[in-house]
Structure formats: structure tokens, C-alpha cells
C-alpha atoms as a PDB file:
ATOM      1  CA  MET A   1       0.000   0.000   0.000  1.00  0.00           C
ATOM      2  CA  SER A   2       1.313   3.434  -0.811  1.00  0.00           C
ATOM      3  CA  SER A   3       0.743   6.902   0.586  1.00  0.00           C
ATOM      4  CA  ASN A   4      -0.540   9.752  -1.586  1.00  0.00           C
ATOM      5  CA  ARG A   5       1.802  12.709  -1.179  1.00  0.00           C
ATOM      6  CA  TYR A   6       0.149  16.215  -1.169  1.00  0.00           C
ATOM      7  CA  PRO A   7       1.920  19.465  -1.172  1.00  0.00           C
ATOM      8  CA  ALA A   8       1.889  21.166   2.160  1.00  0.00           C
ATOM      9  CA  SER A   9       0.863  18.287   4.386  1.00  0.00           C
ATOM     10  CA  LEU A  10      -2.673  17.847   3.286  1.00  0.00           C
ATOM     11  CA  PRO A  11      -4.757  15.019   4.750  1.00  0.00           C
ATOM     12  CA  ARG A  12      -3.605  11.941   2.922  1.00  0.00           C
ATOM     13  CA  THR A  13      -3.861   8.196   2.724  1.00  0.00           C
ATOM     14  CA  VAL A  14      -2.119   6.888   5.827  1.00  0.00           C
ATOM     15  CA  ARG A  15       0.477   4.144   5.714  1.00  0.00           C
ATOM     16  CA  SER A  16       1.515   2.677   9.027  1.00  0.00           C
ATOM     17  CA  LEU A  17       3.660  -0.214  10.156  1.00  0.00           C
ATOM     18  CA  GLY A  18       3.018  -1.890  13.467  1.00  0.00           C
ATOM     19  CA  VAL A  19       4.853  -4.667  15.258  1.00  0.00           C
ATOM     20  CA  LEU A  20       2.852  -6.803  17.664  1.00  0.00           C
ATOM     21  CA  VAL A  21       4.785  -8.477  20.429  1.00  0.00           C
ATOM     22  CA  CYS A  22       2.978  -7.842  23.689  1.00  0.00           C
ATOM     23  CA  SER A  23       1.965  -4.207  23.487  1.00  0.00           C
ATOM     24  CA  LEU A  24       1.222  -1.386  21.100  1.00  0.00           C
ATOM     25  CA  LEU A  25       2.900   1.991  21.644  1.00  0.00           C
ATOM     26  CA  ALA A  26       0.864   5.137  21.059  1.00  0.00           C
ATOM     27  CA  CYS A  27       2.336   8.500  20.029  1.00  0.00           C
ATOM     28  CA  GLY A  28       1.130  11.967  20.926  1.00  0.00           C
ATOM     29  CA  ALA A  29       1.776  15.535  19.840  1.00  0.00           C
ATOM     30  CA  ALA A  30       4.904  17.042  21.337  1.00  0.00           C
ATOM     31  CA  ALA A  31       5.154  20.599  22.585  1.00  0.00           C
ATOM     32  CA  GLY A  32       7.860  22.729  20.990  1.00  0.00           C
ATOM     33  CA  ALA A  33       9.555  26.035  21.785  1.00  0.00           C
ATOM     34  CA  ALA A  34       8.614  28.801  19.382  1.00  0.00           C
ATOM     35  CA  TYR A  35       9.110  32.515  18.787  1.00  0.00           C
ATOM     36  CA  ARG A  36       6.706  35.183  17.550  1.00  0.00           C
ATOM     37  CA  TYR A  37       7.904  38.460  16.022  1.00  0.00           C
ATOM     38  CA  LYS A  38       7.128  40.959  13.253  1.00  0.00           C
ATOM     39  CA  ASP A  39       9.394  41.016  10.206  1.00  0.00           C
ATOM     40  CA  SER A  40      10.471  44.092   8.218  1.00  0.00           C
ATOM     41  CA  SER A  41       7.138  44.149   6.344  1.00  0.00           C
ATOM     42  CA  GLY A  42       5.081  44.072   9.532  1.00  0.00           C
ATOM     43  CA  GLN A  43       3.930  40.444   9.139  1.00  0.00           C
ATOM     44  CA  TRP A  44       3.848  38.224  12.208  1.00  0.00           C
ATOM     45  CA  VAL A  45       6.358  35.365  11.952  1.00  0.00           C
ATOM     46  CA  TYR A  46       6.066  32.125  13.930  1.00  0.00           C
ATOM     47  CA  THR A  47       9.206  30.006  14.005  1.00  0.00           C
ATOM     48  CA  ASP A  48      11.107  27.467  16.077  1.00  0.00           C
ATOM     49  CA  ARG A  49      14.324  29.479  15.628  1.00  0.00           C
ATOM     50  CA  PRO A  50      15.287  32.629  17.545  1.00  0.00           C
ATOM     51  CA  PRO A  51      14.617  35.862  15.608  1.00  0.00           C
ATOM     52  CA  PRO A  52      17.420  37.862  13.940  1.00  0.00           C
ATOM     53  CA  PRO A  53      19.699  39.855  16.287  1.00  0.00           C
ATOM     54  CA  GLY A  54      18.020  43.027  17.505  1.00  0.00           C
ATOM     55  CA  GLN A  55      14.542  41.803  16.586  1.00  0.00           C
ATOM     56  CA  ALA A  56      12.191  41.885  19.574  1.00  0.00           C
ATOM     57  CA  SER A  57      10.197  38.714  20.018  1.00  0.00           C
ATOM     58  CA  GLN A  58       7.588  37.079  22.177  1.00  0.00           C
ATOM     59  CA  SER A  59       8.172  33.503  23.284  1.00  0.00           C
ATOM     60  CA  VAL A  60       5.094  31.348  22.800  1.00  0.00           C
ATOM     61  CA  SER A  61       4.255  27.747  23.600  1.00  0.00           C
ATOM     62  CA  LEU A  62       2.655  25.718  20.819  1.00  0.00           C
ATOM     63  CA  VAL A  63       1.498  22.138  20.514  1.00  0.00           C
ATOM     64  CA  ARG A  64       2.308  21.042  16.991  1.00  0.00           C
ATOM     65  CA  GLY A  65      -0.574  19.368  15.302  1.00  0.00           C
ATOM     66  CA  GLY A  66      -3.326  21.130  17.214  1.00  0.00           C
ATOM     67  CA  GLY A  67      -3.843  18.514  19.933  1.00  0.00           C
ATOM     68  CA  PRO A  68      -5.389  15.056  19.539  1.00  0.00           C
ATOM     69  CA  ALA A  69      -5.792  14.017  15.915  1.00  0.00           C
ATOM     70  CA  LEU A  70      -8.916  12.481  14.450  1.00  0.00           C
ATOM     71  CA  LYS A  71      -8.533   8.759  15.119  1.00  0.00           C
ATOM     72  CA  MET A  72      -8.324   6.825  11.832  1.00  0.00           C
ATOM     73  CA  THR A  73      -6.370   3.688  12.546  1.00  0.00           C
ATOM     74  CA  VAL A  74      -6.135  -0.101  12.662  1.00  0.00           C
ATOM     75  CA  GLU A  75      -5.336  -1.634  16.019  1.00  0.00           C
ATOM     76  CA  PRO A  76      -4.893  -5.197  17.361  1.00  0.00           C
ATOM     77  CA  ARG A  77      -7.351  -6.774  19.792  1.00  0.00           C
ATOM     78  CA  SER A  78      -7.343 -10.160  21.452  1.00  0.00           C
ATOM     79  CA  THR A  79     -10.058 -12.659  20.518  1.00  0.00           C
ATOM     80  CA  GLU A  80     -10.934 -16.177  21.656  1.00  0.00           C
ATOM     81  CA  SER A  81      -9.277 -17.604  18.542  1.00  0.00           C
ATOM     82  CA  GLY A  82      -6.215 -15.350  18.500  1.00  0.00           C
ATOM     83  CA  LEU A  83      -5.995 -11.766  17.312  1.00  0.00           C
ATOM     84  CA  ALA A  84      -8.145  -9.355  15.285  1.00  0.00           C
ATOM     85  CA  LEU A  85      -7.002  -6.272  13.402  1.00  0.00           C
ATOM     86  CA  VAL A  86      -9.790  -3.719  13.841  1.00  0.00           C
ATOM     87  CA  ALA A  87     -10.302  -0.573  11.751  1.00  0.00           C
ATOM     88  CA  ILE A  88     -11.459   2.499  13.701  1.00  0.00           C
ATOM     89  CA  ASN A  89     -13.142   5.334  11.824  1.00  0.00           C
ATOM     90  CA  GLN A  90     -13.836   8.365  14.030  1.00  0.00           C
ATOM     91  CA  CYS A  91     -14.590  10.542  10.998  1.00  0.00           C
ATOM     92  CA  GLN A  92     -18.140  11.732  10.391  1.00  0.00           C
ATOM     93  CA  CYS A  93     -17.750  10.319   6.907  1.00  0.00           C
ATOM     94  CA  VAL A  94     -17.464   6.972   5.163  1.00  0.00           C
ATOM     95  CA  ALA A  95     -13.892   5.688   4.915  1.00  0.00           C
ATOM     96  CA  GLU A  96     -12.306   2.700   3.190  1.00  0.00           C
ATOM     97  CA  PHE A  97      -9.562   0.737   4.989  1.00  0.00           C
ATOM     98  CA  ALA A  98      -7.146  -2.006   3.979  1.00  0.00           C
ATOM     99  CA  VAL A  99      -4.638  -3.982   6.030  1.00  0.00           C
ATOM    100  CA  LYS A 100      -1.833  -6.420   5.235  1.00  0.00           C
ATOM    101  CA  ALA A 101      -0.313  -8.628   7.915  1.00  0.00           C
ATOM    102  CA  LYS A 102       2.781 -10.821   7.871  1.00  0.00           C
ATOM    103  CA  THR A 103       2.249 -13.770  10.209  1.00  0.00           C
ATOM    104  CA  PRO A 104       4.369 -16.862  10.912  1.00  0.00           C
ATOM    105  CA  ALA A 105       1.997 -18.700   8.551  1.00  0.00           C
ATOM    106  CA  GLY A 106       2.325 -16.172   5.721  1.00  0.00           C
ATOM    107  CA  GLU A 107       0.739 -12.974   4.460  1.00  0.00           C
ATOM    108  CA  LYS A 108      -2.924 -12.100   5.032  1.00  0.00           C
ATOM    109  CA  ARG A 109      -4.989  -9.169   3.734  1.00  0.00           C
ATOM    110  CA  GLY A 110      -8.237  -7.516   4.739  1.00  0.00           C
ATOM    111  CA  ARG A 111     -10.312  -4.656   3.380  1.00  0.00           C
ATOM    112  CA  GLY A 112     -13.563  -2.933   4.302  1.00  0.00           C
ATOM    113  CA  THR A 113     -15.697   0.183   4.026  1.00  0.00           C
ATOM    114  CA  LEU A 114     -16.716   1.731   7.351  1.00  0.00           C
ATOM    115  CA  SER A 115     -19.716   3.933   7.972  1.00  0.00           C
ATOM    116  CA  PRO A 116     -19.175   7.198   9.904  1.00  0.00           C
ATOM    117  CA  GLN A 117     -17.870   6.787  13.455  1.00  0.00           C
ATOM    118  CA  SER A 118     -17.732   3.003  13.444  1.00  0.00           C
ATOM    119  CA  GLU A 119     -15.386   0.047  13.879  1.00  0.00           C
ATOM    120  CA  LYS A 120     -14.958  -3.155  11.876  1.00  0.00           C
ATOM    121  CA  VAL A 121     -12.786  -6.267  12.042  1.00  0.00           C
ATOM    122  CA  LEU A 122     -10.697  -6.339   8.866  1.00  0.00           C
ATOM    123  CA  LEU A 123      -8.627  -9.418   9.570  1.00  0.00           C
ATOM    124  CA  ASP A 124      -8.568 -12.370  11.986  1.00  0.00           C
ATOM    125  CA  VAL A 125      -5.195 -13.884  12.830  1.00  0.00           C
ATOM    126  CA  ALA A 126      -5.875 -17.263  14.417  1.00  0.00           C
ATOM    127  CA  ALA A 127      -3.677 -18.900  17.028  1.00  0.00           C
ATOM    128  CA  ALA A 128      -3.206 -21.703  14.494  1.00  0.00           C
ATOM    129  CA  ASP A 129      -1.024 -19.323  12.476  1.00  0.00           C
ATOM    130  CA  GLY A 130       1.635 -20.028  15.056  1.00  0.00           C
ATOM    131  CA  PRO A 131       3.449 -18.062  17.763  1.00  0.00           C
ATOM    132  CA  GLY A 132       5.788 -15.215  16.974  1.00  0.00           C
ATOM    133  CA  GLU A 133       5.858 -11.647  15.774  1.00  0.00           C
ATOM    134  CA  ILE A 134       3.113 -10.228  13.557  1.00  0.00           C
ATOM    135  CA  ARG A 135       3.824  -7.202  11.389  1.00  0.00           C
ATOM    136  CA  TYR A 136       1.045  -5.249   9.741  1.00  0.00           C
ATOM    137  CA  GLU A 137       0.513  -2.159   7.665  1.00  0.00           C
ATOM    138  CA  TYR A 138      -2.693  -0.347   6.837  1.00  0.00           C
ATOM    139  CA  GLY A 139      -4.102   2.469   4.793  1.00  0.00           C
ATOM    140  CA  TYR A 140      -7.356   4.381   4.508  1.00  0.00           C
ATOM    141  CA  VAL A 141      -9.065   6.784   2.146  1.00  0.00           C
ATOM    142  CA  VAL A 142     -11.879   9.153   3.116  1.00  0.00           C
ATOM    143  CA  GLY A 143     -15.135   8.934   1.168  1.00  0.00           C
ATOM    144  CA  GLU A 144     -17.499   6.360  -0.275  1.00  0.00           C
ATOM    145  CA  PRO A 145     -15.656   4.244  -2.885  1.00  0.00           C
ATOM    146  CA  GLY A 146     -16.715   5.282  -6.366  1.00  0.00           C
ATOM    147  CA  ALA A 147     -18.311   8.580  -5.297  1.00  0.00           C
ATOM    148  CA  GLU A 148     -19.266  10.723  -8.297  1.00  0.00           C
ATOM    149  CA  HIS A 149     -18.568  14.442  -8.364  1.00  0.00           C
ATOM    150  CA  ARG A 150     -21.978  16.113  -8.894  1.00  0.00           C
ATOM    151  CA  PRO A 151     -22.001  19.730  -7.668  1.00  0.00           C
ATOM    152  CA  ALA A 152     -25.373  21.456  -8.116  1.00  0.00           C
ATOM    153  CA  GLN A 153     -23.646  24.606  -9.387  1.00  0.00           C
ATOM    154  CA  PRO A 154     -20.130  25.918 -10.083  1.00  0.00           C
ATOM    155  CA  TYR A 155     -17.943  26.399  -7.014  1.00  0.00           C
ATOM    156  CA  ARG A 156     -17.813  29.821  -5.391  1.00  0.00           C
ATOM    157  CA  ALA A 157     -14.348  31.404  -5.260  1.00  0.00           C
ATOM    158  CA  PRO A 158     -13.060  30.636  -1.729  1.00  0.00           C
ATOM    159  CA  PHE A 159     -12.726  34.230  -0.506  1.00  0.00           C
ATOM    160  CA  ALA A 160     -14.911  37.300   0.123  1.00  0.00           C
ATOM    161  CA  LEU A 161     -17.278  38.550  -2.578  1.00  0.00           C
ATOM    162  CA  ALA A 162     -15.793  41.025  -5.087  1.00  0.00           C
ATOM    163  CA  GLN A 163     -12.205  40.167  -4.086  1.00  0.00           C
ATOM    164  CA  ARG A 164      -9.845  39.155  -6.869  1.00  0.00           C
ATOM    165  CA  PHE A 165      -6.658  37.062  -6.633  1.00  0.00           C
ATOM    166  CA  GLN A 166      -4.310  35.427  -9.113  1.00  0.00           C
ATOM    167  CA  VAL A 167      -4.252  31.696  -9.757  1.00  0.00           C
ATOM    168  CA  THR A 168      -0.606  30.612  -9.620  1.00  0.00           C
ATOM    169  CA  GLN A 169      -1.063  26.927 -10.449  1.00  0.00           C
ATOM    170  CA  ALA A 170      -3.961  25.121 -12.105  1.00  0.00           C
ATOM    171  CA  PRO A 171      -4.280  22.202 -14.527  1.00  0.00           C
ATOM    172  CA  PRO A 172      -2.817  21.367 -16.955  1.00  0.00           C
ATOM    173  CA  ASP A 173       0.265  22.891 -15.267  1.00  0.00           C
ATOM    174  CA  ALA A 174       1.858  20.501 -12.784  1.00  0.00           C
ATOM    175  CA  VAL A 175       4.788  22.186 -11.072  1.00  0.00           C
ATOM    176  CA  THR A 176       4.011  20.598  -7.698  1.00  0.00           C
ATOM    177  CA  HIS A 177       0.598  19.100  -8.516  1.00  0.00           C
ATOM    178  CA  VAL A 178       1.888  15.925 -10.112  1.00  0.00           C
ATOM    179  CA  GLU A 179      -0.015  13.165  -8.306  1.00  0.00           C
ATOM    180  CA  PRO A 180      -3.624  12.126  -9.091  1.00  0.00           C
ATOM    181  CA  SER A 181      -4.586  13.520  -5.681  1.00  0.00           C
ATOM    182  CA  SER A 182      -3.409  17.026  -6.591  1.00  0.00           C
ATOM    183  CA  ARG A 183      -3.485  17.162 -10.399  1.00  0.00           C
ATOM    184  CA  ASN A 184      -6.722  19.184 -10.451  1.00  0.00           C
ATOM    185  CA  ALA A 185      -5.886  21.332  -7.424  1.00  0.00           C
ATOM    186  CA  VAL A 186      -5.766  25.132  -7.693  1.00  0.00           C
ATOM    187  CA  ASP A 187      -3.250  27.401  -5.929  1.00  0.00           C
ATOM    188  CA  ILE A 188      -4.369  30.996  -5.361  1.00  0.00           C
ATOM    189  CA  ALA A 189      -1.852  33.632  -4.237  1.00  0.00           C
ATOM    190  CA  MET A 190      -3.150  35.863  -1.443  1.00  0.00           C
ATOM    191  CA  PRO A 191      -1.738  37.724   1.563  1.00  0.00           C
ATOM    192  CA  VAL A 192      -1.527  35.993   4.930  1.00  0.00           C
ATOM    193  CA  GLY A 193      -4.680  36.772   6.899  1.00  0.00           C
ATOM    194  CA  THR A 194      -7.110  36.863   3.954  1.00  0.00           C
ATOM    195  CA  ALA A 195     -10.545  35.542   4.963  1.00  0.00           C
ATOM    196  CA  ILE A 196     -11.287  32.110   3.432  1.00  0.00           C
ATOM    197  CA  HIS A 197     -14.915  31.321   2.614  1.00  0.00           C
ATOM    198  CA  THR A 198     -16.362  27.935   1.676  1.00  0.00           C
ATOM    199  CA  ALA A 199     -16.721  27.180  -2.014  1.00  0.00           C
ATOM    200  CA  ARG A 200     -19.544  24.700  -1.398  1.00  0.00           C
ATOM    201  CA  GLU A 201     -21.742  23.649   1.520  1.00  0.00           C
ATOM    202  CA  GLY A 202     -20.969  20.538   3.550  1.00  0.00           C
ATOM    203  CA  VAL A 203     -19.876  19.090   6.893  1.00  0.00           C
ATOM    204  CA  VAL A 204     -16.461  19.730   8.463  1.00  0.00           C
ATOM    205  CA  ILE A 205     -14.740  16.368   8.919  1.00  0.00           C
ATOM    206  CA  ASN A 206     -11.198  17.389   9.894  1.00  0.00           C
ATOM    207  CA  VAL A 207      -9.136  20.451  10.774  1.00  0.00           C
ATOM    208  CA  ALA A 208      -5.559  21.393  11.689  1.00  0.00           C
ATOM    209  CA  ALA A 209      -4.935  24.819  13.198  1.00  0.00           C
ATOM    210  CA  ARG A 210      -1.724  24.905  15.270  1.00  0.00           C
ATOM    211  CA  HIS A 211       1.108  24.628  12.743  1.00  0.00           C
ATOM    212  CA  PHE A 212       3.337  27.635  12.091  1.00  0.00           C
ATOM    213  CA  ARG A 213       6.335  26.491  10.016  1.00  0.00           C
ATOM    214  CA  SER A 214       6.656  26.605   6.236  1.00  0.00           C
ATOM    215  CA  GLY A 215       9.250  25.902   3.556  1.00  0.00           C
ATOM    216  CA  LEU A 216      10.234  23.391   0.910  1.00  0.00           C
ATOM    217  CA  SER A 217      11.891  20.895   3.251  1.00  0.00           C
ATOM    218  CA  PRO A 218      10.339  17.402   3.429  1.00  0.00           C
ATOM    219  CA  GLN A 219       9.791  17.939   7.170  1.00  0.00           C
ATOM    220  CA  ASN A 220       7.198  20.600   6.289  1.00  0.00           C
ATOM    221  CA  MET A 221       4.994  18.109   4.414  1.00  0.00           C
ATOM    222  CA  ASP A 222       2.932  17.367   7.532  1.00  0.00           C
ATOM    223  CA  GLU A 223       2.758  20.904   8.927  1.00  0.00           C
ATOM    224  CA  ALA A 224       0.022  22.693   7.004  1.00  0.00           C
ATOM    225  CA  ASN A 225      -3.144  23.942   8.643  1.00  0.00           C
ATOM    226  CA  PHE A 226      -6.293  22.955   6.781  1.00  0.00           C
ATOM    227  CA  VAL A 227     -10.061  22.568   6.819  1.00  0.00           C
ATOM    228  CA  GLN A 228     -11.603  19.465   5.204  1.00  0.00           C
ATOM    229  CA  ILE A 229     -15.294  19.571   4.221  1.00  0.00           C
ATOM    230  CA  LEU A 230     -17.435  16.629   3.075  1.00  0.00           C
ATOM    231  CA  HIS A 231     -19.967  17.322   0.301  1.00  0.00           C
ATOM    232  CA  GLU A 232     -23.347  15.698  -0.204  1.00  0.00           C
ATOM    233  CA  ASP A 233     -22.130  13.667  -3.202  1.00  0.00           C
ATOM    234  CA  GLY A 234     -19.370  11.991  -1.168  1.00  0.00           C
ATOM    235  CA  THR A 235     -16.503  14.143  -2.435  1.00  0.00           C
ATOM    236  CA  HIS A 236     -14.607  16.405  -0.055  1.00  0.00           C
ATOM    237  CA  ALA A 237     -12.737  19.697  -0.345  1.00  0.00           C
ATOM    238  CA  ILE A 238      -9.484  20.699   1.321  1.00  0.00           C
ATOM    239  CA  TYR A 239      -8.531  24.312   2.061  1.00  0.00           C
ATOM    240  CA  ALA A 240      -4.832  24.269   2.969  1.00  0.00           C
ATOM    241  CA  HIS A 241      -1.838  26.373   4.140  1.00  0.00           C
ATOM    242  CA  LEU A 242      -4.081  28.273   6.570  1.00  0.00           C
ATOM    243  CA  GLN A 243      -2.821  30.746   9.157  1.00  0.00           C
ATOM    244  CA  LEU A 244      -2.003  29.590  12.675  1.00  0.00           C
ATOM    245  CA  ASP A 245      -4.978  29.480  15.067  1.00  0.00           C
ATOM    246  CA  THR A 246      -7.489  31.068  12.662  1.00  0.00           C
ATOM    247  CA  VAL A 247      -9.786  28.108  11.933  1.00  0.00           C
ATOM    248  CA  ARG A 248     -13.289  29.174  12.978  1.00  0.00           C
ATOM    249  CA  VAL A 249     -15.131  25.861  12.509  1.00  0.00           C
ATOM    250  CA  LYS A 250     -15.038  22.520  14.299  1.00  0.00           C
ATOM    251  CA  ILE A 251     -15.416  18.883  13.304  1.00  0.00           C
ATOM    252  CA  GLY A 252     -19.050  17.945  12.795  1.00  0.00           C
ATOM    253  CA  GLN A 253     -20.193  21.485  12.017  1.00  0.00           C
ATOM    254  CA  ARG A 254     -22.377  22.004   8.944  1.00  0.00           C
ATOM    255  CA  VAL A 255     -21.263  24.999   6.880  1.00  0.00           C
ATOM    256  CA  ALA A 256     -23.083  26.915   4.162  1.00  0.00           C
ATOM    257  CA  ARG A 257     -21.687  28.013   0.824  1.00  0.00           C
ATOM    258  CA  GLY A 258     -19.740  31.237   1.352  1.00  0.00           C
ATOM    259  CA  GLU A 259     -19.210  30.784   5.109  1.00  0.00           C
ATOM    260  CA  TYR A 260     -16.076  32.325   6.648  1.00  0.00           C
ATOM    261  CA  VAL A 261     -14.016  29.386   7.983  1.00  0.00           C
ATOM    262  CA  ALA A 262     -10.378  30.511   8.425  1.00  0.00           C
ATOM    263  CA  ASN A 263      -7.642  32.876   7.264  1.00  0.00           C
ATOM    264  CA  SER A 264      -5.157  32.144   4.503  1.00  0.00           C
ATOM    265  CA  GLY A 265      -1.566  31.585   5.492  1.00  0.00           C
ATOM    266  CA  ASN A 266       1.761  30.075   4.527  1.00  0.00           C
ATOM    267  CA  THR A 267       2.097  26.856   6.527  1.00  0.00           C
ATOM    268  CA  GLY A 268       3.449  23.478   5.523  1.00  0.00           C
ATOM    269  CA  PHE A 269       5.170  22.662   2.225  1.00  0.00           C
ATOM    270  CA  SER A 270       4.908  26.122   0.742  1.00  0.00           C
ATOM    271  CA  SER A 271       7.205  28.675  -0.890  1.00  0.00           C
ATOM    272  CA  GLY A 272       4.918  31.657  -0.223  1.00  0.00           C
ATOM    273  CA  PRO A 273       1.490  32.749   1.021  1.00  0.00           C
ATOM    274  CA  HIS A 274      -1.333  31.089  -0.912  1.00  0.00           C
ATOM    275  CA  LEU A 275      -4.428  28.913  -0.625  1.00  0.00           C
ATOM    276  CA  HIS A 276      -4.342  25.350  -1.952  1.00  0.00           C
ATOM    277  CA  PHE A 277      -7.868  24.251  -2.878  1.00  0.00           C
ATOM    278  CA  VAL A 278      -8.711  20.757  -4.094  1.00  0.00           C
ATOM    279  CA  VAL A 279     -11.779  18.516  -4.342  1.00  0.00           C
ATOM    280  CA  LEU A 280     -11.184  14.771  -3.938  1.00  0.00           C
ATOM    281  CA  ARG A 281     -13.063  11.514  -4.395  1.00  0.00           C
ATOM    282  CA  ASN A 282     -12.283   7.931  -3.399  1.00  0.00           C
ATOM    283  CA  VAL A 283     -11.697   5.790  -6.495  1.00  0.00           C
ATOM    284  CA  GLY A 284     -11.030   2.625  -4.477  1.00  0.00           C
ATOM    285  CA  LEU A 285      -8.367   3.032  -1.780  1.00  0.00           C
ATOM    286  CA  ARG A 286      -6.960   5.985  -3.709  1.00  0.00           C
ATOM    287  CA  SER A 287      -7.810   9.678  -3.547  1.00  0.00           C
ATOM    288  CA  GLU A 288      -8.239  11.355  -6.917  1.00  0.00           C
ATOM    289  CA  SER A 289      -8.712  15.084  -7.484  1.00  0.00           C
ATOM    290  CA  VAL A 290     -11.544  16.208  -9.755  1.00  0.00           C
ATOM    291  CA  PRO A 291     -11.761  19.178 -12.176  1.00  0.00           C
ATOM    292  CA  ILE A 292     -13.207  22.338 -10.604  1.00  0.00           C
ATOM    293  CA  THR A 293     -15.393  24.953 -12.286  1.00  0.00           C
ATOM    294  CA  PHE A 294     -15.760  28.323 -10.532  1.00  0.00           C
ATOM    295  CA  ALA A 295     -18.761  30.640 -10.760  1.00  0.00           C
ATOM    296  CA  GLY A 296     -18.343  33.676 -12.989  1.00  0.00           C
ATOM    297  CA  PRO A 297     -20.624  36.641 -13.750  1.00  0.00           C
ATOM    298  CA  GLY A 298     -24.275  35.596 -13.733  1.00  0.00           C
ATOM    299  CA  GLY A 299     -23.404  32.200 -12.239  1.00  0.00           C
ATOM    300  CA  ALA A 300     -21.843  30.846 -15.424  1.00  0.00           C
ATOM    301  CA  GLY A 301     -19.014  28.359 -14.853  1.00  0.00           C
ATOM    302  CA  ALA A 302     -15.397  29.028 -15.788  1.00  0.00           C
ATOM    303  CA  THR A 303     -12.341  26.774 -15.744  1.00  0.00           C
ATOM    304  CA  LEU A 304      -9.229  28.736 -14.790  1.00  0.00           C
ATOM    305  CA  ARG A 305      -5.628  28.446 -15.927  1.00  0.00           C
ATOM    306  CA  SER A 306      -2.383  29.483 -14.256  1.00  0.00           C
ATOM    307  CA  GLY A 307      -1.835  33.238 -14.429  1.00  0.00           C
ATOM    308  CA  GLN A 308      -5.502  34.141 -14.630  1.00  0.00           C
ATOM    309  CA  ALA A 309      -7.350  36.145 -11.984  1.00  0.00           C
ATOM    310  CA  LEU A 310     -10.246  34.691 -10.006  1.00  0.00           C
ATOM    311  CA  THR A 311     -13.028  36.962  -8.757  1.00  0.00           C
ATOM    312  CA  ALA A 312     -15.600  35.926  -6.157  1.00  0.00           C
ATOM    313  CA  TYR A 313     -19.213  36.359  -7.363  1.00  0.00           C
END
């Protein structure tokens, strides 16, 4: 099983390796030292490095990752016959899971679709498989398998009405949007702190709000703030690179088209302030981005290209 890799640490298919001996270790978010100061242009900077000499700063305490993450995992549980690998879906959405286990008796696989906030046994490992170490890996993809993208109308530009910003990357260009999960994504350049509004109604299924670092290092891949919204047709949208601590919605909240949900930022795998907007569907244990049409004057749809300006109507 492979992991889809999104620019800027977007929610992605998870790949995990576990070793079962007698216990399972759990990880948590770690607190990190950080500094807050204004740069020469007056923008607030959040960083884990001390500011330049002579630059006044405020020391702040941050918990990277925004606290407990939404639990989407596969964990081992004892049964009368041996061991079960159980998928746990805490999302308020359908999710598809798969697991592969290496046992003393050979390789076993399991797969299943879980309804919102449910659990399911994916694989039974019987005692007859023999004693010894069991290794397993698992993956999941959000959304009903085979969901069809059927918006009732073109998407609204994801910022305040009458504002206008430049699209810096859109299909068919693929500077960083090279995977199926990002090929139809749109990057929109905008200053840090710009209000982000929903492009389509739906239910918030995941958020990240406490990251502050950015850059093109691989370590920044998992450090973007985002809001993830499930649509009625089973697709979901991701609004990414958001500003630290500006997310105004919570998991489970229903949002209307045009609702103010966060501020734009420059967090995660990013070379400058912008919004990364993408709509995804599950094509069978794989997330695939879909083409997006934005509303123009009079509600008519328009497909944008890199270098064009997008206005919110």
C-alpha cells in the first residue's frame, strides 16, 4: 500500500507499520519552543528558531498538530481464537480501509468500508497461524468508494465577494501538482490573513490549526493547517496552508456556501502565502482530485488556468 503525497501536508492516505509483540505503543503531539515576532514588512512570523539579532520577540508555547488528531487507525485486539485487526473510523464520513499482515503462517490481507464513526474487524489472525511476531501495515481513504462528483452549481471562489486574486497553479500545469490527488488542485496567491470562505456547503470532517512552520523541506509536508469539508455527493474539499490558530469551525459542524471558515496563510510545504484548494473523491483506496469549475458573472461556470485572476461572485 502506498501513501498519496500532497503538497503542504494535506490530509492523505495513511500508511503505518506496526509490530505486535505484547503491546502497542501510542504516540502523541509534542510541545515545541517557538518565537513570535514581526518582520520588516510588519507580518507576524512564527518560528522554532530565535529571531534575527536586535529583533524583539515574544516567546510562545505551541502544541504542533493542534492537539489530539482524528482517530483513523487499525489496532490489534485479542479474541478467543487469537488476534483481530480492527479498523477504527472516528470521521463523520465513510472511509475505506485495507490492512496487510505478515504472520508466521504467511501474508494475510483484509479490506472494508466503514460507515461514519464506526469500527470493523478487517482481519482475523488465528492462534493456528503459530506463535511469533506479527507485522502489519494499513491504509485508509476518506469517502465512499466510487463517489461521483456532482455539484449542483459551479464552485464559489473561496474568498470574500468582489475580491480578486491570481491563480498561480492550475491544470494542466503541474509544477508541484503531479499526483492524481493534486493534479486538479488550484493554488491561489493571497496575503496571509485573507478571509477564506467555503466554495460549497458541507460538513467539516477534519481540521488542523496549530502549525506555524513553512518551507520546501520534506519535514514541512505534515505541517500545514487545513479545513476538510465533506460534500453531499461523497466528495470532499481541502482548504490548505491556513494561518495559525485562525480556523473558525469545528469537526461535525455544517457549513453553508460562502461561510467564513479561516484565514489564509503560509504553513506546511509552501514557498509563499497562498491557498491550496482541491476537491477529492475515493476511487477505491486511492484519492483522486476532480476538475473544478468556478462561478463567474451571472453564475456561469469558468475553468481557470495558471496566471488568470479569479473573482468571487
